[in-house]
Amino acid sequence: MIVAQPHDALFRVTFAQIEHARPTLALLLPASVSRHVDWSTLELLPGSFVDGQLASRVTDLLYAAHLRQGSEVRVHLLFEHQSEVEPFMALRLLEYEVNIWRAFHREHGDTCKLPPIVPVLLHHSEGGWSASTHFDDLLGVDGEARTDLAPFLPAFRFVLEDLGRRESQDLHDLATTALARIAFFCLRDARNDERFGESLPCWADLYHEVSSALNGVEAASAILRYIHQVTELDRGKVEERLLEALGPEAKEAFVTLAEREFAQGVQKGRQEGRQEGRQEGRREALVLVVEKLLELKFGALSAAQRARIATSDEATLEQMSQRVLNAESLDAVLRGDAQ
């Protein structure tokens, strides 16, 4: 089942981390601008500047950095959830820039200078971006009048990263981190079954790089969670396809994801358990989760093994789930002698 707005989590888990945002923004900004930024000073600022009515469609992150000459710059990164083109995006971005400047002025009222803002839009429709990236193209005036009015009108453009128009190999070879590149792949392709299947082998090596890094299993699990949330395929088919393309290394991320969902389910179950009649339903849910964890790590279960799990009490099931990652065999999990 597709989750309504799963994009925020993947966008933020990737680009709220400076180690992934820094090389990505340095790459996306025009070289003529990027060379002025001291990227070692990049930091994430709190808050969102998106209109509350549009929060279900747009995610944003705001960064600050020093220019090499000493002053500051803001970089405003937005991701448009909807796979469609917004012709008045430049107007929306102007509103966001004004909001950012107002917030800056409230905090730094003693200064008479505002920091420049570079707006960056990530877009992911299959057809690609078709509207202008220049604000003044929205103005209904041409010819000599346009020239004479120009000093009195806003004139800016925004940086566009159009994921839909990049070839898979081009996306794979971007000079940024493996997690950032996989995030781009997923935001572009995961909702389209055919395109996802075609591009999946292209980023298998990136997945292995992510999963083997520090905190890599958690990052890989976030990728898998996003894929599960947006694909129209059932979970079993998705995992089969991923394991085929990514290899056995993906199993640990599946187990971590399943354990996290299990823990959330247990917590919810405990809260609901205060209500009469919830106990057995919670135990049955734990049976299903433990079976899934064991299948992901060790393969198909026998009838006897399933019976052993099905007849276990809740406490035993919780212990089984905790033993999965360290156990060397399925029987060790069931017997309780895993290290």
Protein backbone atom coordinates (compact mmCIF):
# COMPACT_ATOMS: atom_id res chain seq x y z
CA MET A 1 0.00 0.00 0.00
CA ILE A 2 1.35 3.43 -0.94
CA VAL A 3 1.84 5.89 1.92
CA ALA A 4 0.53 9.39 1.19
CA GLN A 5 3.66 11.48 1.80
CA PRO A 6 6.71 9.32 2.51
CA HIS A 7 9.18 11.62 0.75
CA ASP A 8 9.99 13.86 3.71
CA ALA A 9 11.75 11.11 5.64
CA LEU A 10 14.07 10.08 2.82
CA PHE A 11 14.80 13.69 1.84
CA ARG A 12 15.61 14.69 5.41
CA VAL A 13 17.50 11.57 6.49
CA THR A 14 19.81 12.24 3.56
CA PHE A 15 20.19 15.99 3.20
CA ALA A 16 19.78 17.03 6.82
CA GLN A 17 23.18 15.38 7.29
CA ILE A 18 25.86 17.90 6.37
CA GLU A 19 28.22 15.20 5.07
CA HIS A 20 25.68 14.44 2.33
CA ALA A 21 24.36 17.97 1.81
CA ARG A 22 27.78 19.59 1.40
CA PRO A 23 29.00 17.78 -1.76
CA THR A 24 25.50 17.71 -3.22
CA LEU A 25 24.92 21.45 -2.94
CA ALA A 26 28.46 22.22 -4.09
CA LEU A 27 27.68 20.15 -7.19
CA LEU A 28 24.20 21.56 -7.87
CA LEU A 29 25.06 25.24 -7.60
CA PRO A 30 26.59 26.81 -10.70
CA ALA A 31 30.38 26.66 -10.55
CA SER A 32 30.53 30.45 -10.74
CA VAL A 33 28.58 30.59 -7.45
CA SER A 34 29.94 27.49 -5.74
CA ARG A 35 33.53 28.73 -5.94
CA HIS A 36 32.68 31.67 -3.65
CA VAL A 37 31.30 29.44 -0.87
CA ASP A 38 33.46 28.10 1.93
CA TRP A 39 31.74 24.72 2.04
CA SER A 40 33.54 23.71 5.23
CA THR A 41 31.33 26.23 7.07
CA LEU A 42 28.01 24.81 5.83
CA GLU A 43 25.43 24.26 8.57
CA LEU A 44 21.77 23.31 8.68
CA LEU A 45 19.44 25.95 10.10
CA PRO A 46 16.26 25.08 12.02
CA GLY A 47 12.75 25.54 10.75
CA SER A 48 10.76 25.35 7.54
CA PHE A 49 9.69 28.28 5.39
CA VAL A 50 7.08 26.48 3.32
CA ASP A 51 3.50 27.71 3.57
CA GLY A 52 1.60 25.39 5.91
CA GLN A 53 -1.02 24.70 3.24
CA LEU A 54 1.71 23.36 0.95
CA ALA A 55 3.56 21.28 3.54
CA SER A 56 2.05 18.08 2.12
CA ARG A 57 3.58 18.90 -1.28
CA VAL A 58 6.91 20.56 -0.53
CA THR A 59 9.80 19.75 1.83
CA ASP A 60 12.54 22.28 2.48
CA LEU A 61 15.88 22.61 4.24
CA LEU A 62 17.76 25.84 4.82
CA TYR A 63 21.54 26.03 5.10
CA ALA A 64 23.97 28.81 5.99
CA ALA A 65 27.60 29.13 4.92
CA HIS A 66 30.31 31.76 4.77
CA LEU A 67 31.45 33.23 1.52
CA ARG A 68 35.21 33.24 1.07
CA GLN A 69 35.18 37.03 1.25
CA GLY A 70 33.70 36.83 4.76
CA SER A 71 29.95 37.50 4.45
CA GLU A 72 27.21 34.86 4.66
CA VAL A 73 24.97 33.12 2.13
CA ARG A 74 21.83 31.03 2.54
CA VAL A 75 21.02 27.99 0.38
CA HIS A 76 17.36 26.99 0.36
CA LEU A 77 16.83 23.40 -0.85
CA LEU A 78 13.30 22.35 -1.77
CA PHE A 79 11.85 19.06 -2.94
CA GLU A 80 8.48 19.14 -4.68
CA HIS A 81 6.65 15.91 -3.74
CA GLN A 82 4.16 16.05 -6.57
CA SER A 83 5.37 14.71 -9.89
CA GLU A 84 4.02 17.69 -11.81
CA VAL A 85 5.29 21.07 -12.94
CA GLU A 86 4.29 24.18 -10.97
CA PRO A 87 4.41 27.08 -13.45
CA PHE A 88 4.41 29.67 -10.62
CA MET A 89 7.24 28.03 -8.68
CA ALA A 90 9.37 31.19 -9.00
CA LEU A 91 6.63 33.20 -7.28
CA ARG A 92 6.43 30.64 -4.49
CA LEU A 93 10.20 30.77 -4.07
CA LEU A 94 10.09 34.55 -3.85
CA GLU A 95 7.64 34.22 -0.97
CA TYR A 96 9.97 31.78 0.78
CA GLU A 97 12.94 34.10 0.32
CA VAL A 98 11.02 36.99 1.88
CA ASN A 99 10.09 34.74 4.83
CA ILE A 100 13.74 33.76 5.29
CA TRP A 101 14.85 37.39 5.21
CA ARG A 102 12.15 38.41 7.68
CA ALA A 103 13.29 35.67 10.08
CA PHE A 104 16.89 36.82 9.69
CA HIS A 105 15.93 40.43 10.35
CA ARG A 106 14.03 39.48 13.51
CA GLU A 107 17.06 37.62 14.81
CA HIS A 108 19.67 40.14 13.65
CA GLY A 109 17.84 43.43 13.90
CA ASP A 110 21.05 45.34 14.53
CA THR A 111 22.44 44.62 11.06
CA CYS A 112 21.45 46.55 7.96
CA LYS A 113 22.46 43.84 5.48
CA LEU A 114 20.57 40.70 4.44
CA PRO A 115 22.33 37.51 3.30
CA PRO A 116 21.92 36.46 -0.33
CA ILE A 117 19.76 33.36 -0.84
CA VAL A 118 20.26 30.73 -3.54
CA PRO A 119 17.05 28.71 -4.07
CA VAL A 120 17.51 25.12 -5.30
CA LEU A 121 14.60 22.96 -6.52
CA LEU A 122 14.69 19.16 -6.81
CA HIS A 123 12.14 17.94 -9.36
CA HIS A 124 11.31 14.34 -10.25
CA SER A 125 8.49 14.10 -12.79
CA GLU A 126 8.93 11.61 -15.63
CA GLY A 127 8.26 14.28 -18.23
CA GLY A 128 10.81 16.70 -16.77
CA TRP A 129 10.54 20.37 -15.85
CA SER A 130 8.83 22.48 -18.52
CA ALA A 131 8.29 25.87 -16.84
CA SER A 132 10.71 28.78 -16.64
CA THR A 133 13.26 29.04 -13.85
CA HIS A 134 13.29 32.87 -14.10
CA PHE A 135 10.90 34.99 -12.07
CA ASP A 136 10.70 37.80 -14.62
CA ASP A 137 9.25 35.38 -17.19
CA LEU A 138 6.06 35.47 -15.11
CA LEU A 139 5.63 39.20 -15.71
CA GLY A 140 3.24 40.23 -18.46
CA VAL A 141 5.24 42.99 -20.07
CA ASP A 142 7.53 43.00 -23.11
CA GLY A 143 9.55 45.22 -25.35
CA GLU A 144 10.67 48.70 -24.39
CA ALA A 145 8.29 48.86 -21.43
CA ARG A 146 9.92 45.77 -19.95
CA THR A 147 13.35 47.37 -20.19
CA ASP A 148 12.18 50.60 -18.59
CA LEU A 149 10.29 48.82 -15.81
CA ALA A 150 13.13 46.38 -15.04
CA PRO A 151 14.73 48.49 -12.26
CA PHE A 152 11.48 48.34 -10.30
CA LEU A 153 10.79 44.60 -10.59
CA PRO A 154 12.25 41.48 -8.93
CA ALA A 155 14.62 39.57 -11.18
CA PHE A 156 16.07 36.23 -10.06
CA ARG A 157 16.28 32.59 -11.11
CA PHE A 158 16.39 29.36 -9.17
CA VAL A 159 18.72 26.40 -9.52
CA LEU A 160 16.88 23.38 -10.94
CA GLU A 161 17.95 19.77 -10.49
CA ASP A 162 15.65 17.87 -12.83
CA LEU A 163 16.12 14.23 -11.83
CA GLY A 164 13.76 13.00 -14.53
CA ARG A 165 16.01 14.26 -17.32
CA ARG A 166 19.18 12.59 -16.08
CA GLU A 167 20.31 9.25 -17.46
CA SER A 168 20.84 6.53 -14.86
CA GLN A 169 24.59 6.37 -15.46
CA ASP A 170 24.84 10.15 -15.16
CA LEU A 171 22.97 10.01 -11.86
CA HIS A 172 25.20 7.17 -10.68
CA ASP A 173 28.37 9.14 -11.44
CA LEU A 174 27.42 12.42 -9.72
CA ALA A 175 30.25 13.78 -7.58
CA THR A 176 28.43 13.39 -4.28
CA THR A 177 27.95 10.69 -1.64
CA ALA A 178 26.54 7.24 -2.33
CA LEU A 179 23.54 7.87 -0.08
CA ALA A 180 22.69 11.13 -1.89
CA ARG A 181 22.86 9.36 -5.26
CA ILE A 182 20.66 6.47 -4.09
CA ALA A 183 18.19 8.97 -2.67
CA PHE A 184 18.04 10.64 -6.09
CA PHE A 185 17.49 7.26 -7.75
CA CYS A 186 14.68 6.38 -5.35
CA LEU A 187 12.95 9.76 -5.57
CA ARG A 188 13.03 9.47 -9.36
CA ASP A 189 12.24 5.79 -9.93
CA ALA A 190 10.74 3.99 -6.93
CA ARG A 191 7.13 4.93 -7.77
CA ASN A 192 7.42 3.52 -11.30
CA ASP A 193 7.71 -0.28 -11.28
CA GLU A 194 9.23 -0.55 -14.76
CA ARG A 195 11.72 2.26 -14.31
CA PHE A 196 12.66 1.02 -10.85
CA GLY A 197 13.44 -2.42 -12.21
CA GLU A 198 15.60 -0.96 -14.97
CA SER A 199 17.65 1.33 -12.74
CA LEU A 200 18.02 -0.97 -9.71
CA PRO A 201 21.14 -2.83 -10.98
CA CYS A 202 22.77 0.54 -11.73
CA TRP A 203 22.90 1.52 -8.06
CA ALA A 204 23.60 -1.89 -6.48
CA ASP A 205 27.24 -0.92 -5.87
CA LEU A 206 26.12 2.35 -4.26
CA TYR A 207 23.86 0.41 -1.91
CA HIS A 208 26.78 -1.75 -0.82
CA GLU A 209 28.87 1.37 -0.21
CA VAL A 210 26.10 2.88 1.93
CA SER A 211 25.40 -0.30 3.93
CA SER A 212 29.09 -0.87 4.73
CA ALA A 213 29.64 2.68 6.05
CA LEU A 214 29.24 3.82 9.66
CA ASN A 215 25.51 3.62 10.54
CA GLY A 216 25.09 2.14 7.07
CA VAL A 217 22.46 -0.44 7.98
CA GLU A 218 20.20 2.28 9.35
CA ALA A 219 20.67 4.36 6.17
CA ALA A 220 20.03 1.30 4.00
CA SER A 221 16.90 0.53 6.04
CA ALA A 222 15.63 4.08 5.42
CA ILE A 223 16.07 3.49 1.68
CA LEU A 224 14.18 0.20 1.86
CA ARG A 225 11.41 1.76 3.95
CA TYR A 226 10.90 4.46 1.35
CA ILE A 227 10.75 1.90 -1.46
CA HIS A 228 8.18 -0.16 0.46
CA GLN A 229 6.07 2.95 1.06
CA VAL A 230 5.87 4.25 -2.50
CA THR A 231 5.89 1.13 -4.68
CA GLU A 232 2.72 -0.48 -5.95
CA LEU A 233 4.28 -3.96 -5.65
CA ASP A 234 3.58 -6.05 -2.57
CA ARG A 235 6.32 -6.24 0.04
CA GLY A 236 7.35 -9.81 -0.78
CA LYS A 237 7.93 -9.04 -4.46
CA VAL A 238 9.88 -5.88 -3.61
CA GLU A 239 12.19 -7.76 -1.25
CA GLU A 240 12.68 -10.56 -3.76
CA ARG A 241 13.67 -8.06 -6.45
CA LEU A 242 15.99 -6.16 -4.10
CA LEU A 243 17.72 -9.29 -2.84
CA GLU A 244 18.26 -10.46 -6.40
CA ALA A 245 19.86 -7.15 -7.41
CA LEU A 246 21.64 -6.21 -4.18
CA GLY A 247 22.73 -9.62 -2.94
CA PRO A 248 22.72 -11.12 0.58
CA GLU A 249 24.10 -7.87 2.05
CA ALA A 250 20.58 -6.46 1.82
CA LYS A 251 19.26 -9.02 4.30
CA GLU A 252 20.69 -7.23 7.33
CA ALA A 253 18.93 -4.03 6.33
CA PHE A 254 15.68 -5.96 5.89
CA VAL A 255 16.10 -7.46 9.35
CA THR A 256 16.86 -4.04 10.87
CA LEU A 257 13.82 -2.53 9.18
CA ALA A 258 11.60 -5.39 10.30
CA GLU A 259 12.95 -5.17 13.86
CA ARG A 260 12.26 -1.46 13.98
CA GLU A 261 8.72 -2.00 12.77
CA PHE A 262 8.45 -4.82 15.30
CA ALA A 263 9.59 -2.54 18.15
CA GLN A 264 7.12 0.14 17.09
CA GLY A 265 4.39 -2.49 16.94
CA VAL A 266 5.27 -3.80 20.39
CA GLN A 267 5.19 -0.29 21.86
CA LYS A 268 1.85 0.40 20.23
CA GLY A 269 0.60 -2.96 21.39
CA ARG A 270 1.65 -2.25 24.96
CA GLN A 271 -0.26 1.00 24.90
CA GLU A 272 -3.29 -0.68 23.43
CA GLY A 273 -2.84 -3.59 25.81
CA ARG A 274 -4.39 -1.54 28.55
CA GLN A 275 -7.63 -2.19 26.75
CA GLU A 276 -9.26 -5.57 27.37
CA GLY A 277 -8.87 -8.20 24.65
CA ARG A 278 -5.65 -6.90 22.98
CA GLN A 279 -3.20 -9.49 24.38
CA GLU A 280 -3.74 -12.35 21.95
CA GLY A 281 -3.87 -10.07 18.93
CA ARG A 282 -0.49 -8.62 19.89
CA ARG A 283 1.04 -12.09 20.31
CA GLU A 284 -0.21 -13.15 16.87
CA ALA A 285 1.37 -10.04 15.35
CA LEU A 286 4.69 -10.95 17.02
CA VAL A 287 4.49 -14.45 15.54
CA LEU A 288 4.26 -12.96 12.03
CA VAL A 289 7.16 -10.56 12.63
CA VAL A 290 9.47 -13.26 14.05
CA GLU A 291 8.68 -15.55 11.12
CA LYS A 292 9.54 -12.76 8.70
CA LEU A 293 12.83 -11.95 10.44
CA LEU A 294 13.89 -15.60 10.38
CA GLU A 295 12.93 -16.09 6.73
CA LEU A 296 14.90 -13.02 5.69
CA LYS A 297 18.04 -14.22 7.44
CA PHE A 298 17.88 -18.02 7.15
CA GLY A 299 15.40 -18.82 4.38
CA ALA A 300 12.20 -20.88 4.38
CA LEU A 301 10.90 -22.29 7.67
CA SER A 302 9.83 -25.88 8.18
CA ALA A 303 6.38 -26.79 9.51
CA ALA A 304 7.93 -27.78 12.85
CA GLN A 305 9.78 -24.47 13.15
CA ARG A 306 6.60 -22.53 12.37
CA ALA A 307 4.76 -24.54 15.01
CA ARG A 308 7.48 -23.77 17.55
CA ILE A 309 7.08 -20.05 16.89
CA ALA A 310 3.28 -20.13 16.77
CA THR A 311 3.02 -21.76 20.22
CA SER A 312 5.49 -19.40 21.95
CA ASP A 313 4.31 -16.80 24.42
CA GLU A 314 4.86 -13.08 23.94
CA ALA A 315 7.99 -12.85 26.09
CA THR A 316 9.64 -15.72 24.20
CA LEU A 317 8.78 -14.15 20.86
CA GLU A 318 10.39 -10.88 21.92
CA GLN A 319 13.53 -12.79 22.94
CA MET A 320 13.62 -14.56 19.57
CA SER A 321 13.47 -11.27 17.72
CA GLN A 322 16.42 -9.95 19.72
CA ARG A 323 18.54 -13.03 18.99
CA VAL A 324 18.15 -12.95 15.20
CA LEU A 325 21.07 -10.69 14.26
CA ASN A 326 23.70 -12.48 16.39
CA ALA A 327 22.54 -16.06 15.84
CA GLU A 328 24.54 -18.28 13.50
CA SER A 329 21.64 -20.67 12.85
CA LEU A 330 17.88 -20.70 12.89
CA ASP A 331 17.81 -23.41 15.57
CA ALA A 332 19.96 -21.22 17.82
CA VAL A 333 17.27 -18.56 17.74
CA LEU A 334 14.51 -21.04 18.52
CA ARG A 335 16.46 -22.82 21.29
CA GLY A 336 17.71 -19.61 22.86
CA ASP A 337 21.44 -20.38 22.81
CA ALA A 338 22.49 -17.55 20.43
CA GLN A 339 25.40 -15.43 21.59
